[in-house]
Amino acid sequence: ESRIEEALPADKVGCIRNFNLQNGDNIREQLLGLSDYDMFVTYSILESPMPLEDYVATLRLTPVTEGDRTFVEWTAEFSCDPGDEDELVAMIGTDVFQAGFDALKRQFGGG
């Protein structure tokens, strides 16, 4: 379940999305930037059970004219204890980014 706090529009910069992962963990994210024209969204994680801080991510879409495709780039930067870094990078890569890419493929098709 996912909801926007204070019943704000989901595309309003500054709104906060509050949701639970499949394992029940709660995440709160704030929308930092959004552009339909430039095709990107930037958000930060405000609260998370993950041992990280200063998480900021951007999802950017770039049209690929040959074959009528879209290139999806999802990047993130964050701070963490050095001992947690490898595990967090792997977890975010698999459980966040790849899961998101898979959901986009299911929604819009493509391979």
PDB file of N, CA and C in Angstrom:
ATOM      1  N   GLU A   1       0.836  -1.185   0.000  1.00  0.00           N
ATOM      2  CA  GLU A   1       0.000   0.000   0.000  1.00  0.00           C
ATOM      3  C   GLU A   1       0.877   1.243   0.000  1.00  0.00           C
ATOM      4  N   SER A   2       0.489   2.205  -0.803  1.00  0.00           N
ATOM      5  CA  SER A   2       1.234   3.451  -0.938  1.00  0.00           C
ATOM      6  C   SER A   2       0.248   4.609  -0.866  1.00  0.00           C
ATOM      7  N   ARG A   3       0.635   5.667  -0.129  1.00  0.00           N
ATOM      8  CA  ARG A   3      -0.241   6.837  -0.069  1.00  0.00           C
ATOM      9  C   ARG A   3       0.618   8.095  -0.009  1.00  0.00           C
ATOM     10  N   ILE A   4       0.042   9.186  -0.479  1.00  0.00           N
ATOM     11  CA  ILE A   4       0.692  10.486  -0.389  1.00  0.00           C
ATOM     12  C   ILE A   4       0.164  11.163   0.871  1.00  0.00           C
ATOM     13  N   GLU A   5       1.074  11.557   1.745  1.00  0.00           N
ATOM     14  CA  GLU A   5       0.680  12.172   3.007  1.00  0.00           C
ATOM     15  C   GLU A   5      -0.003  13.515   2.769  1.00  0.00           C
ATOM     16  N   GLU A   6      -0.902  13.868   3.676  1.00  0.00           N
ATOM     17  CA  GLU A   6      -1.648  15.132   3.655  1.00  0.00           C
ATOM     18  C   GLU A   6      -2.492  15.290   2.399  1.00  0.00           C
ATOM     19  N   ALA A   7      -2.781  14.182   1.721  1.00  0.00           N
ATOM     20  CA  ALA A   7      -3.645  14.160   0.531  1.00  0.00           C
ATOM     21  C   ALA A   7      -3.184  15.142  -0.554  1.00  0.00           C
ATOM     22  N   LEU A   8      -1.885  15.376  -0.630  1.00  0.00           N
ATOM     23  CA  LEU A   8      -1.343  16.246  -1.676  1.00  0.00           C
ATOM     24  C   LEU A   8      -1.340  15.505  -3.008  1.00  0.00           C
ATOM     25  N   PRO A   9      -1.313  16.233  -4.125  1.00  0.00           N
ATOM     26  CA  PRO A   9      -1.177  15.567  -5.420  1.00  0.00           C
ATOM     27  C   PRO A   9       0.159  14.819  -5.493  1.00  0.00           C
ATOM     28  N   ALA A  10       0.156  13.657  -6.115  1.00  0.00           N
ATOM     29  CA  ALA A  10       1.363  12.825  -6.192  1.00  0.00           C
ATOM     30  C   ALA A  10       2.464  13.467  -7.026  1.00  0.00           C
ATOM     31  N   ASP A  11       2.114  14.456  -7.859  1.00  0.00           N
ATOM     32  CA  ASP A  11       3.123  15.108  -8.693  1.00  0.00           C
ATOM     33  C   ASP A  11       3.556  16.469  -8.148  1.00  0.00           C
ATOM     34  N   LYS A  12       3.198  16.775  -6.916  1.00  0.00           N
ATOM     35  CA  LYS A  12       3.587  18.049  -6.294  1.00  0.00           C
ATOM     36  C   LYS A  12       4.961  17.903  -5.648  1.00  0.00           C
ATOM     37  N   VAL A  13       5.928  18.685  -6.131  1.00  0.00           N
ATOM     38  CA  VAL A  13       7.265  18.644  -5.543  1.00  0.00           C
ATOM     39  C   VAL A  13       7.147  18.969  -4.061  1.00  0.00           C
ATOM     40  N   GLY A  14       7.767  18.137  -3.242  1.00  0.00           N
ATOM     41  CA  GLY A  14       7.688  18.278  -1.794  1.00  0.00           C
ATOM     42  C   GLY A  14       6.753  17.277  -1.144  1.00  0.00           C
ATOM     43  N   CYS A  15       5.865  16.653  -1.932  1.00  0.00           N
ATOM     44  CA  CYS A  15       4.943  15.680  -1.338  1.00  0.00           C
ATOM     45  C   CYS A  15       5.729  14.479  -0.813  1.00  0.00           C
ATOM     46  N   ILE A  16       5.127  13.795   0.146  1.00  0.00           N
ATOM     47  CA  ILE A  16       5.773  12.646   0.781  1.00  0.00           C
ATOM     48  C   ILE A  16       4.940  11.403   0.525  1.00  0.00           C
ATOM     49  N   ARG A  17       5.591  10.395  -0.031  1.00  0.00           N
ATOM     50  CA  ARG A  17       4.949   9.095  -0.273  1.00  0.00           C
ATOM     51  C   ARG A  17       5.327   8.177   0.871  1.00  0.00           C
ATOM     52  N   ASN A  18       4.335   7.551   1.454  1.00  0.00           N
ATOM     53  CA  ASN A  18       4.503   6.653   2.586  1.00  0.00           C
ATOM     54  C   ASN A  18       4.013   5.276   2.135  1.00  0.00           C
ATOM     55  N   PHE A  19       4.872   4.275   2.209  1.00  0.00           N
ATOM     56  CA  PHE A  19       4.472   2.953   1.731  1.00  0.00           C
ATOM     57  C   PHE A  19       5.202   1.863   2.493  1.00  0.00           C
ATOM     58  N   ASN A  20       4.656   0.661   2.390  1.00  0.00           N
ATOM     59  CA  ASN A  20       5.251  -0.518   3.012  1.00  0.00           C
ATOM     60  C   ASN A  20       5.784  -1.444   1.934  1.00  0.00           C
ATOM     61  N   LEU A  21       6.955  -1.998   2.193  1.00  0.00           N
ATOM     62  CA  LEU A  21       7.513  -3.015   1.315  1.00  0.00           C
ATOM     63  C   LEU A  21       6.783  -4.328   1.548  1.00  0.00           C
ATOM     64  N   GLN A  22       7.031  -5.310   0.700  1.00  0.00           N
ATOM     65  CA  GLN A  22       6.372  -6.607   0.847  1.00  0.00           C
ATOM     66  C   GLN A  22       6.677  -7.248   2.188  1.00  0.00           C
ATOM     67  N   ASN A  23       7.848  -6.960   2.754  1.00  0.00           N
ATOM     68  CA  ASN A  23       8.203  -7.552   4.049  1.00  0.00           C
ATOM     69  C   ASN A  23       7.636  -6.758   5.222  1.00  0.00           C
ATOM     70  N   GLY A  24       6.884  -5.679   4.928  1.00  0.00           N
ATOM     71  CA  GLY A  24       6.262  -4.883   5.978  1.00  0.00           C
ATOM     72  C   GLY A  24       7.042  -3.653   6.396  1.00  0.00           C
ATOM     73  N   ASP A  25       8.300  -3.531   5.970  1.00  0.00           N
ATOM     74  CA  ASP A  25       9.097  -2.354   6.316  1.00  0.00           C
ATOM     75  C   ASP A  25       8.465  -1.094   5.728  1.00  0.00           C
ATOM     76  N   ASN A  26       8.505  -0.004   6.488  1.00  0.00           N
ATOM     77  CA  ASN A  26       7.918   1.266   6.067  1.00  0.00           C
ATOM     78  C   ASN A  26       8.996   2.192   5.503  1.00  0.00           C
ATOM     79  N   ILE A  27       8.651   2.861   4.403  1.00  0.00           N
ATOM     80  CA  ILE A  27       9.542   3.818   3.749  1.00  0.00           C
ATOM     81  C   ILE A  27       8.763   5.125   3.558  1.00  0.00           C
ATOM     82  N   ARG A  28       9.441   6.232   3.776  1.00  0.00           N
ATOM     83  CA  ARG A  28       8.878   7.552   3.456  1.00  0.00           C
ATOM     84  C   ARG A  28       9.844   8.243   2.497  1.00  0.00           C
ATOM     85  N   GLU A  29       9.309   8.650   1.342  1.00  0.00           N
ATOM     86  CA  GLU A  29      10.106   9.306   0.310  1.00  0.00           C
ATOM     87  C   GLU A  29       9.520  10.685   0.023  1.00  0.00           C
ATOM     88  N   GLN A  30      10.396  11.639  -0.273  1.00  0.00           N
ATOM     89  CA  GLN A  30       9.936  12.979  -0.638  1.00  0.00           C
ATOM     90  C   GLN A  30      10.307  13.271  -2.087  1.00  0.00           C
ATOM     91  N   LEU A  31       9.335  13.780  -2.831  1.00  0.00           N
ATOM     92  CA  LEU A  31       9.560  14.155  -4.223  1.00  0.00           C
ATOM     93  C   LEU A  31      10.344  15.463  -4.264  1.00  0.00           C
ATOM     94  N   LEU A  32      11.526  15.423  -4.860  1.00  0.00           N
ATOM     95  CA  LEU A  32      12.397  16.600  -4.929  1.00  0.00           C
ATOM     96  C   LEU A  32      12.323  17.315  -6.269  1.00  0.00           C
ATOM     97  N   GLY A  33      12.046  16.575  -7.322  1.00  0.00           N
ATOM     98  CA  GLY A  33      11.980  17.167  -8.655  1.00  0.00           C
ATOM     99  C   GLY A  33      11.202  16.272  -9.594  1.00  0.00           C
ATOM    100  N   LEU A  34      10.502  16.886 -10.541  1.00  0.00           N
ATOM    101  CA  LEU A  34       9.695  16.138 -11.500  1.00  0.00           C
ATOM    102  C   LEU A  34       9.541  16.987 -12.752  1.00  0.00           C
ATOM    103  N   SER A  35       9.809  16.407 -13.910  1.00  0.00           N
ATOM    104  CA  SER A  35       9.636  17.128 -15.165  1.00  0.00           C
ATOM    105  C   SER A  35       9.111  16.182 -16.233  1.00  0.00           C
ATOM    106  N   ASP A  36       7.902  16.463 -16.708  1.00  0.00           N
ATOM    107  CA  ASP A  36       7.375  15.703 -17.839  1.00  0.00           C
ATOM    108  C   ASP A  36       8.186  16.011 -19.092  1.00  0.00           C
ATOM    109  N   TYR A  37       8.577  17.272 -19.264  1.00  0.00           N
ATOM    110  CA  TYR A  37       9.332  17.685 -20.449  1.00  0.00           C
ATOM    111  C   TYR A  37      10.698  17.001 -20.501  1.00  0.00           C
ATOM    112  N   ASP A  38      11.437  17.054 -19.400  1.00  0.00           N
ATOM    113  CA  ASP A  38      12.770  16.447 -19.347  1.00  0.00           C
ATOM    114  C   ASP A  38      12.741  14.979 -18.941  1.00  0.00           C
ATOM    115  N   MET A  39      11.576  14.466 -18.632  1.00  0.00           N
ATOM    116  CA  MET A  39      11.324  13.056 -18.321  1.00  0.00           C
ATOM    117  C   MET A  39      12.211  12.524 -17.194  1.00  0.00           C
ATOM    118  N   PHE A  40      12.090  13.152 -16.021  1.00  0.00           N
ATOM    119  CA  PHE A  40      12.820  12.652 -14.866  1.00  0.00           C
ATOM    120  C   PHE A  40      12.016  12.869 -13.595  1.00  0.00           C
ATOM    121  N   VAL A  41      12.363  12.099 -12.599  1.00  0.00           N
ATOM    122  CA  VAL A  41      11.829  12.264 -11.247  1.00  0.00           C
ATOM    123  C   VAL A  41      13.000  12.077 -10.285  1.00  0.00           C
ATOM    124  N   THR A  42      13.088  12.949  -9.282  1.00  0.00           N
ATOM    125  CA  THR A  42      14.126  12.855  -8.259  1.00  0.00           C
ATOM    126  C   THR A  42      13.447  12.816  -6.899  1.00  0.00           C
ATOM    127  N   TYR A  43      13.914  11.917  -6.045  1.00  0.00           N
ATOM    128  CA  TYR A  43      13.302  11.778  -4.724  1.00  0.00           C
ATOM    129  C   TYR A  43      14.374  11.463  -3.689  1.00  0.00           C
ATOM    130  N   SER A  44      14.021  11.696  -2.435  1.00  0.00           N
ATOM    131  CA  SER A  44      14.914  11.339  -1.330  1.00  0.00           C
ATOM    132  C   SER A  44      14.163  10.414  -0.385  1.00  0.00           C
ATOM    133  N   ILE A  45      14.915   9.611   0.340  1.00  0.00           N
ATOM    134  CA  ILE A  45      14.317   8.779   1.382  1.00  0.00           C
ATOM    135  C   ILE A  45      14.451   9.529   2.696  1.00  0.00           C
ATOM    136  N   LEU A  46      13.308   9.757   3.340  1.00  0.00           N
ATOM    137  CA  LEU A  46      13.283  10.443   4.627  1.00  0.00           C
ATOM    138  C   LEU A  46      13.419   9.468   5.785  1.00  0.00           C
ATOM    139  N   GLU A  47      12.724   8.329   5.673  1.00  0.00           N
ATOM    140  CA  GLU A  47      12.756   7.309   6.724  1.00  0.00           C
ATOM    141  C   GLU A  47      12.774   5.933   6.080  1.00  0.00           C
ATOM    142  N   SER A  48      13.603   5.066   6.639  1.00  0.00           N
ATOM    143  CA  SER A  48      13.757   3.724   6.096  1.00  0.00           C
ATOM    144  C   SER A  48      14.453   2.855   7.133  1.00  0.00           C
ATOM    145  N   PRO A  49      14.168   1.559   7.148  1.00  0.00           N
ATOM    146  CA  PRO A  49      14.909   0.661   8.036  1.00  0.00           C
ATOM    147  C   PRO A  49      16.325   0.370   7.533  1.00  0.00           C
ATOM    148  N   MET A  50      16.625   0.771   6.293  1.00  0.00           N
ATOM    149  CA  MET A  50      17.956   0.534   5.745  1.00  0.00           C
ATOM    150  C   MET A  50      18.963   1.448   6.440  1.00  0.00           C
ATOM    151  N   PRO A  51      20.153   0.938   6.722  1.00  0.00           N
ATOM    152  CA  PRO A  51      21.163   1.739   7.427  1.00  0.00           C
ATOM    153  C   PRO A  51      21.888   2.706   6.488  1.00  0.00           C
ATOM    154  N   LEU A  52      21.134   3.703   5.989  1.00  0.00           N
ATOM    155  CA  LEU A  52      21.720   4.680   5.082  1.00  0.00           C
ATOM    156  C   LEU A  52      21.181   6.066   5.398  1.00  0.00           C
ATOM    157  N   GLU A  53      21.877   7.073   4.914  1.00  0.00           N
ATOM    158  CA  GLU A  53      21.478   8.467   5.090  1.00  0.00           C
ATOM    159  C   GLU A  53      21.682   9.206   3.777  1.00  0.00           C
ATOM    160  N   ASP A  54      21.044  10.354   3.669  1.00  0.00           N
ATOM    161  CA  ASP A  54      21.240  11.257   2.524  1.00  0.00           C
ATOM    162  C   ASP A  54      20.984  10.572   1.177  1.00  0.00           C
ATOM    163  N   TYR A  55      19.996   9.686   1.131  1.00  0.00           N
ATOM    164  CA  TYR A  55      19.670   8.960  -0.098  1.00  0.00           C
ATOM    165  C   TYR A  55      18.910   9.889  -1.041  1.00  0.00           C
ATOM    166  N   VAL A  56      19.442  10.071  -2.232  1.00  0.00           N
ATOM    167  CA  VAL A  56      18.771  10.832  -3.287  1.00  0.00           C
ATOM    168  C   VAL A  56      18.903  10.024  -4.571  1.00  0.00           C
ATOM    169  N   ALA A  57      17.776   9.819  -5.247  1.00  0.00           N
ATOM    170  CA  ALA A  57      17.772   9.027  -6.480  1.00  0.00           C
ATOM    171  C   ALA A  57      17.057   9.785  -7.588  1.00  0.00           C
ATOM    172  N   THR A  58      17.471   9.507  -8.815  1.00  0.00           N
ATOM    173  CA  THR A  58      16.829  10.086  -9.992  1.00  0.00           C
ATOM    174  C   THR A  58      16.536   8.976 -10.991  1.00  0.00           C
ATOM    175  N   LEU A  59      15.321   8.983 -11.498  1.00  0.00           N
ATOM    176  CA  LEU A  59      14.891   8.088 -12.567  1.00  0.00           C
ATOM    177  C   LEU A  59      14.694   8.967 -13.798  1.00  0.00           C
ATOM    178  N   ARG A  60      15.432   8.659 -14.871  1.00  0.00           N
ATOM    179  CA  ARG A  60      15.399   9.487 -16.077  1.00  0.00           C
ATOM    180  C   ARG A  60      15.098   8.603 -17.289  1.00  0.00           C
ATOM    181  N   LEU A  61      14.215   9.089 -18.161  1.00  0.00           N
ATOM    182  CA  LEU A  61      13.855   8.397 -19.393  1.00  0.00           C
ATOM    183  C   LEU A  61      14.416   9.171 -20.577  1.00  0.00           C
ATOM    184  N   THR A  62      15.024   8.451 -21.514  1.00  0.00           N
ATOM    185  CA  THR A  62      15.583   9.072 -22.713  1.00  0.00           C
ATOM    186  C   THR A  62      15.063   8.313 -23.928  1.00  0.00           C
ATOM    187  N   PRO A  63      14.388   9.005 -24.851  1.00  0.00           N
ATOM    188  CA  PRO A  63      13.896   8.320 -26.045  1.00  0.00           C
ATOM    189  C   PRO A  63      15.047   7.780 -26.894  1.00  0.00           C
ATOM    190  N   VAL A  64      14.846   6.594 -27.426  1.00  0.00           N
ATOM    191  CA  VAL A  64      15.774   5.993 -28.384  1.00  0.00           C
ATOM    192  C   VAL A  64      14.971   5.873 -29.675  1.00  0.00           C
ATOM    193  N   THR A  65      15.353   6.654 -30.676  1.00  0.00           N
ATOM    194  CA  THR A  65      14.526   6.724 -31.879  1.00  0.00           C
ATOM    195  C   THR A  65      14.544   5.437 -32.686  1.00  0.00           C
ATOM    196  N   GLU A  66      15.680   4.764 -32.744  1.00  0.00           N
ATOM    197  CA  GLU A  66      15.741   3.518 -33.502  1.00  0.00           C
ATOM    198  C   GLU A  66      15.007   2.429 -32.731  1.00  0.00           C
ATOM    199  N   GLY A  67      13.973   1.888 -33.337  1.00  0.00           N
ATOM    200  CA  GLY A  67      13.214   0.826 -32.698  1.00  0.00           C
ATOM    201  C   GLY A  67      12.155   1.326 -31.739  1.00  0.00           C
ATOM    202  N   ASP A  68      11.939   2.637 -31.681  1.00  0.00           N
ATOM    203  CA  ASP A  68      10.903   3.223 -30.834  1.00  0.00           C
ATOM    204  C   ASP A  68      10.988   2.681 -29.406  1.00  0.00           C
ATOM    205  N   ARG A  69      12.131   2.875 -28.776  1.00  0.00           N
ATOM    206  CA  ARG A  69      12.383   2.380 -27.427  1.00  0.00           C
ATOM    207  C   ARG A  69      12.716   3.541 -26.507  1.00  0.00           C
ATOM    208  N   THR A  70      12.806   3.236 -25.223  1.00  0.00           N
ATOM    209  CA  THR A  70      13.176   4.227 -24.217  1.00  0.00           C
ATOM    210  C   THR A  70      14.294   3.664 -23.359  1.00  0.00           C
ATOM    211  N   PHE A  71      15.313   4.483 -23.134  1.00  0.00           N
ATOM    212  CA  PHE A  71      16.411   4.122 -22.244  1.00  0.00           C
ATOM    213  C   PHE A  71      16.055   4.634 -20.854  1.00  0.00           C
ATOM    214  N   VAL A  72      16.105   3.750 -19.860  1.00  0.00           N
ATOM    215  CA  VAL A  72      15.779   4.107 -18.484  1.00  0.00           C
ATOM    216  C   VAL A  72      17.066   4.091 -17.670  1.00  0.00           C
ATOM    217  N   GLU A  73      17.342   5.214 -17.011  1.00  0.00           N
ATOM    218  CA  GLU A  73      18.520   5.335 -16.156  1.00  0.00           C
ATOM    219  C   GLU A  73      18.043   5.678 -14.750  1.00  0.00           C
ATOM    220  N   TRP A  74      18.470   4.883 -13.775  1.00  0.00           N
ATOM    221  CA  TRP A  74      18.072   5.094 -12.384  1.00  0.00           C
ATOM    222  C   TRP A  74      19.349   5.127 -11.562  1.00  0.00           C
ATOM    223  N   THR A  75      19.619   6.260 -10.958  1.00  0.00           N
ATOM    224  CA  THR A  75      20.837   6.419 -10.169  1.00  0.00           C
ATOM    225  C   THR A  75      20.487   6.840  -8.749  1.00  0.00           C
ATOM    226  N   ALA A  76      21.383   6.534  -7.827  1.00  0.00           N
ATOM    227  CA  ALA A  76      21.185   6.939  -6.430  1.00  0.00           C
ATOM    228  C   ALA A  76      22.533   7.207  -5.786  1.00  0.00           C
ATOM    229  N   GLU A  77      22.522   8.126  -4.852  1.00  0.00           N
ATOM    230  CA  GLU A  77      23.681   8.392  -4.007  1.00  0.00           C
ATOM    231  C   GLU A  77      23.203   8.368  -2.567  1.00  0.00           C
ATOM    232  N   PHE A  78      24.049   7.856  -1.680  1.00  0.00           N
ATOM    233  CA  PHE A  78      23.697   7.811  -0.264  1.00  0.00           C
ATOM    234  C   PHE A  78      24.956   7.659   0.560  1.00  0.00           C
ATOM    235  N   SER A  79      24.816   7.897   1.847  1.00  0.00           N
ATOM    236  CA  SER A  79      25.905   7.704   2.803  1.00  0.00           C
ATOM    237  C   SER A  79      25.560   6.520   3.692  1.00  0.00           C
ATOM    238  N   CYS A  80      26.600   5.773   4.081  1.00  0.00           N
ATOM    239  CA  CYS A  80      26.397   4.643   4.983  1.00  0.00           C
ATOM    240  C   CYS A  80      27.736   4.277   5.616  1.00  0.00           C
ATOM    241  N   ASP A  81      27.676   3.407   6.610  1.00  0.00           N
ATOM    242  CA  ASP A  81      28.908   2.882   7.182  1.00  0.00           C
ATOM    243  C   ASP A  81      29.616   2.054   6.111  1.00  0.00           C
ATOM    244  N   PRO A  82      30.942   2.155   6.024  1.00  0.00           N
ATOM    245  CA  PRO A  82      31.676   1.395   5.005  1.00  0.00           C
ATOM    246  C   PRO A  82      31.380  -0.104   5.045  1.00  0.00           C
ATOM    247  N   GLY A  83      31.145  -0.655   6.210  1.00  0.00           N
ATOM    248  CA  GLY A  83      30.869  -2.082   6.320  1.00  0.00           C
ATOM    249  C   GLY A  83      29.531  -2.498   5.738  1.00  0.00           C
ATOM    250  N   ASP A  84      28.615  -1.536   5.558  1.00  0.00           N
ATOM    251  CA  ASP A  84      27.287  -1.828   5.008  1.00  0.00           C
ATOM    252  C   ASP A  84      27.196  -1.550   3.510  1.00  0.00           C
ATOM    253  N   GLU A  85      28.215  -0.905   2.947  1.00  0.00           N
ATOM    254  CA  GLU A  85      28.111  -0.395   1.582  1.00  0.00           C
ATOM    255  C   GLU A  85      27.851  -1.482   0.542  1.00  0.00           C
ATOM    256  N   ASP A  86      28.637  -2.537   0.518  1.00  0.00           N
ATOM    257  CA  ASP A  86      28.469  -3.576  -0.507  1.00  0.00           C
ATOM    258  C   ASP A  86      27.082  -4.203  -0.439  1.00  0.00           C
ATOM    259  N   GLU A  87      26.623  -4.499   0.772  1.00  0.00           N
ATOM    260  CA  GLU A  87      25.301  -5.112   0.934  1.00  0.00           C
ATOM    261  C   GLU A  87      24.195  -4.153   0.484  1.00  0.00           C
ATOM    262  N   LEU A  88      24.303  -2.876   0.835  1.00  0.00           N
ATOM    263  CA  LEU A  88      23.288  -1.903   0.434  1.00  0.00           C
ATOM    264  C   LEU A  88      23.273  -1.694  -1.075  1.00  0.00           C
ATOM    265  N   VAL A  89      24.434  -1.599  -1.696  1.00  0.00           N
ATOM    266  CA  VAL A  89      24.496  -1.433  -3.147  1.00  0.00           C
ATOM    267  C   VAL A  89      23.830  -2.624  -3.837  1.00  0.00           C
ATOM    268  N   ALA A  90      24.122  -3.830  -3.389  1.00  0.00           N
ATOM    269  CA  ALA A  90      23.517  -5.026  -3.982  1.00  0.00           C
ATOM    270  C   ALA A  90      22.010  -5.051  -3.745  1.00  0.00           C
ATOM    271  N   MET A  91      21.586  -4.732  -2.524  1.00  0.00           N
ATOM    272  CA  MET A  91      20.164  -4.762  -2.189  1.00  0.00           C
ATOM    273  C   MET A  91      19.391  -3.708  -2.980  1.00  0.00           C
ATOM    274  N   ILE A  92      19.896  -2.491  -3.051  1.00  0.00           N
ATOM    275  CA  ILE A  92      19.207  -1.439  -3.801  1.00  0.00           C
ATOM    276  C   ILE A  92      19.190  -1.786  -5.290  1.00  0.00           C
ATOM    277  N   GLY A  93      20.286  -2.312  -5.806  1.00  0.00           N
ATOM    278  CA  GLY A  93      20.342  -2.707  -7.206  1.00  0.00           C
ATOM    279  C   GLY A  93      19.327  -3.773  -7.563  1.00  0.00           C
ATOM    280  N   THR A  94      19.163  -4.744  -6.690  1.00  0.00           N
ATOM    281  CA  THR A  94      18.249  -5.859  -6.956  1.00  0.00           C
ATOM    282  C   THR A  94      16.824  -5.569  -6.508  1.00  0.00           C
ATOM    283  N   ASP A  95      16.655  -5.210  -5.242  1.00  0.00           N
ATOM    284  CA  ASP A  95      15.320  -5.090  -4.655  1.00  0.00           C
ATOM    285  C   ASP A  95      14.615  -3.782  -4.995  1.00  0.00           C
ATOM    286  N   VAL A  96      15.362  -2.765  -5.372  1.00  0.00           N
ATOM    287  CA  VAL A  96      14.739  -1.482  -5.714  1.00  0.00           C
ATOM    288  C   VAL A  96      14.798  -1.270  -7.226  1.00  0.00           C
ATOM    289  N   PHE A  97      15.999  -1.120  -7.762  1.00  0.00           N
ATOM    290  CA  PHE A  97      16.120  -0.784  -9.178  1.00  0.00           C
ATOM    291  C   PHE A  97      15.606  -1.900 -10.088  1.00  0.00           C
ATOM    292  N   GLN A  98      16.109  -3.127  -9.936  1.00  0.00           N
ATOM    293  CA  GLN A  98      15.683  -4.201 -10.827  1.00  0.00           C
ATOM    294  C   GLN A  98      14.203  -4.499 -10.661  1.00  0.00           C
ATOM    295  N   ALA A  99      13.708  -4.463  -9.425  1.00  0.00           N
ATOM    296  CA  ALA A  99      12.274  -4.668  -9.199  1.00  0.00           C
ATOM    297  C   ALA A  99      11.469  -3.574  -9.900  1.00  0.00           C
ATOM    298  N   GLY A 100      11.963  -2.343  -9.863  1.00  0.00           N
ATOM    299  CA  GLY A 100      11.290  -1.247 -10.560  1.00  0.00           C
ATOM    300  C   GLY A 100      11.321  -1.413 -12.067  1.00  0.00           C
ATOM    301  N   PHE A 101      12.470  -1.815 -12.615  1.00  0.00           N
ATOM    302  CA  PHE A 101      12.568  -2.069 -14.053  1.00  0.00           C
ATOM    303  C   PHE A 101      11.613  -3.187 -14.467  1.00  0.00           C
ATOM    304  N   ASP A 102      11.547  -4.244 -13.666  1.00  0.00           N
ATOM    305  CA  ASP A 102      10.648  -5.358 -13.969  1.00  0.00           C
ATOM    306  C   ASP A 102       9.191  -4.901 -13.963  1.00  0.00           C
ATOM    307  N   ALA A 103       8.830  -4.038 -13.010  1.00  0.00           N
ATOM    308  CA  ALA A 103       7.461  -3.512 -12.949  1.00  0.00           C
ATOM    309  C   ALA A 103       7.157  -2.653 -14.176  1.00  0.00           C
ATOM    310  N   LEU A 104       8.121  -1.850 -14.614  1.00  0.00           N
ATOM    311  CA  LEU A 104       7.929  -1.052 -15.827  1.00  0.00           C
ATOM    312  C   LEU A 104       7.723  -1.949 -17.045  1.00  0.00           C
ATOM    313  N   LYS A 105       8.496  -3.016 -17.149  1.00  0.00           N
ATOM    314  CA  LYS A 105       8.335  -3.952 -18.269  1.00  0.00           C
ATOM    315  C   LYS A 105       6.952  -4.587 -18.250  1.00  0.00           C
ATOM    316  N   ARG A 106       6.492  -4.977 -17.060  1.00  0.00           N
ATOM    317  CA  ARG A 106       5.153  -5.575 -16.962  1.00  0.00           C
ATOM    318  C   ARG A 106       4.078  -4.564 -17.367  1.00  0.00           C
ATOM    319  N   GLN A 107       4.244  -3.332 -16.954  1.00  0.00           N
ATOM    320  CA  GLN A 107       3.247  -2.295 -17.229  1.00  0.00           C
ATOM    321  C   GLN A 107       3.236  -1.868 -18.698  1.00  0.00           C
ATOM    322  N   PHE A 108       4.413  -1.703 -19.279  1.00  0.00           N
ATOM    323  CA  PHE A 108       4.511  -1.112 -20.610  1.00  0.00           C
ATOM    324  C   PHE A 108       5.016  -2.060 -21.689  1.00  0.00           C
ATOM    325  N   GLY A 109       5.398  -3.279 -21.311  1.00  0.00           N
ATOM    326  CA  GLY A 109       5.908  -4.234 -22.280  1.00  0.00           C
ATOM    327  C   GLY A 109       7.365  -3.980 -22.590  1.00  0.00           C
ATOM    328  N   GLY A 110       7.895  -4.737 -23.470  1.00  0.00           N
ATOM    329  CA  GLY A 110       9.304  -4.569 -23.850  1.00  0.00           C
ATOM    330  C   GLY A 110      10.149  -5.657 -23.244  1.00  0.00           C
ATOM    331  N   GLY A 111      11.362  -5.734 -23.703  1.00  0.00           N
ATOM    332  CA  GLY A 111      12.204  -6.812 -23.228  1.00  0.00           C
ATOM    333  C   GLY A 111      13.626  -6.527 -23.260  1.00  0.00           C
TER     334      GLY A 111
END
